[in-house]
Amino acid sequence: MLKINLPKVPNIETSRLLLREQIISDAQDLFKLRTNTEVMRYIDRPLPKDIKESEEAIQTTSEQFDKGTSLVWAIAFKDAPDQMIGNI
């Protein structure tokens, strides 16, 4: 199994985008994305019932990163780094 051994989630920048650590303050944006039926059209995952579920999802991915088992980036425009437009 792959083991990730990084001290923190690295930022990656392109000319327009920033990939950064997903944080609890992204929960509202994550909730909006995951409750949008068009966005979730091809993703076989239950829709969250409330923002708390989005917060829990972010917390889980953070814990998985700490264990070295997962790495999730929030995607944002460089000129609006605090507004998550997706994740990967």
Protein backbone atom coordinates (compact mmCIF):
# COMPACT_ATOMS: atom_id res chain seq x y z
CA MET A 1 0.00 0.00 0.00
CA LEU A 2 1.14 3.51 -0.79
CA LYS A 3 2.34 5.47 2.24
CA ILE A 4 2.48 9.27 1.99
CA ASN A 5 5.28 10.76 4.05
CA LEU A 6 5.00 14.55 3.86
CA PRO A 7 5.14 17.01 6.77
CA LYS A 8 2.18 18.95 5.33
CA VAL A 9 -0.01 19.09 2.22
CA PRO A 10 2.11 20.87 -0.39
CA ASN A 11 0.71 23.76 -2.39
CA ILE A 12 0.80 23.42 -6.15
CA GLU A 13 0.30 26.44 -8.40
CA THR A 14 -0.46 26.82 -12.07
CA SER A 15 -0.87 30.11 -13.90
CA ARG A 16 -4.53 30.30 -12.76
CA LEU A 17 -5.08 27.74 -10.02
CA LEU A 18 -3.91 26.90 -6.54
CA LEU A 19 -4.07 23.40 -5.12
CA ARG A 20 -3.87 23.70 -1.36
CA GLU A 21 -4.77 21.85 1.81
CA GLN A 22 -8.50 21.39 2.30
CA ILE A 23 -9.50 22.95 5.64
CA ILE A 24 -12.62 23.10 7.80
CA SER A 25 -13.50 26.57 6.52
CA ASP A 26 -14.00 24.92 3.09
CA ALA A 27 -17.00 22.99 4.44
CA GLN A 28 -19.60 25.40 3.01
CA ASP A 29 -18.03 25.22 -0.46
CA LEU A 30 -17.70 21.44 -0.23
CA PHE A 31 -21.35 21.17 0.80
CA LYS A 32 -22.42 23.30 -2.19
CA LEU A 33 -20.41 21.11 -4.56
CA ARG A 34 -21.55 17.79 -3.11
CA THR A 35 -25.23 18.76 -3.07
CA ASN A 36 -25.17 19.94 -6.68
CA THR A 37 -26.72 17.08 -8.65
CA GLU A 38 -24.95 18.10 -11.87
CA VAL A 39 -21.55 18.10 -10.17
CA MET A 40 -22.29 14.73 -8.54
CA ARG A 41 -23.84 13.20 -11.64
CA TYR A 42 -21.07 10.62 -12.18
CA ILE A 43 -19.85 10.34 -8.61
CA ASP A 44 -21.40 7.44 -6.74
CA ARG A 45 -21.45 8.93 -3.27
CA PRO A 46 -24.36 9.85 -1.00
CA LEU A 47 -25.13 13.57 -0.89
CA PRO A 48 -24.39 15.21 2.47
CA LYS A 49 -27.42 16.12 4.57
CA ASP A 50 -25.82 19.18 6.16
CA ILE A 51 -22.61 21.17 6.44
CA LYS A 52 -21.58 19.13 9.48
CA GLU A 53 -21.17 16.11 7.20
CA SER A 54 -18.88 18.17 4.96
CA GLU A 55 -16.87 19.23 8.00
CA GLU A 56 -16.59 15.57 9.02
CA ALA A 57 -15.42 14.61 5.52
CA ILE A 58 -12.70 17.25 5.66
CA GLN A 59 -11.67 16.11 9.14
CA THR A 60 -11.49 12.50 7.95
CA THR A 61 -9.26 13.35 5.00
CA SER A 62 -7.02 15.38 7.32
CA GLU A 63 -6.71 12.41 9.68
CA GLN A 64 -5.99 10.09 6.75
CA PHE A 65 -3.23 12.45 5.57
CA ASP A 66 -1.73 12.42 9.07
CA LYS A 67 -1.66 8.60 8.88
CA GLY A 68 -0.10 8.77 5.41
CA THR A 69 -3.02 7.06 3.66
CA SER A 70 -4.66 9.88 1.69
CA LEU A 71 -3.93 13.23 0.11
CA VAL A 72 -6.70 15.64 -0.92
CA TRP A 73 -6.16 19.09 -2.37
CA ALA A 74 -8.69 21.91 -2.44
CA ILE A 75 -8.75 23.63 -5.83
CA ALA A 76 -9.08 27.42 -5.89
CA PHE A 77 -8.40 30.25 -8.27
CA LYS A 78 -5.16 32.02 -7.37
CA ASP A 79 -6.98 35.35 -7.16
CA ALA A 80 -9.53 33.86 -4.70
CA PRO A 81 -7.52 31.29 -2.71
CA ASP A 82 -10.06 31.02 0.12
CA GLN A 83 -12.93 29.93 -2.16
CA MET A 84 -12.70 26.24 -2.95
CA ILE A 85 -14.07 25.41 -6.42
CA GLY A 86 -13.32 21.70 -6.26
CA ASN A 87 -11.05 19.08 -4.82
CA ILE A 88 -8.91 16.25 -5.98
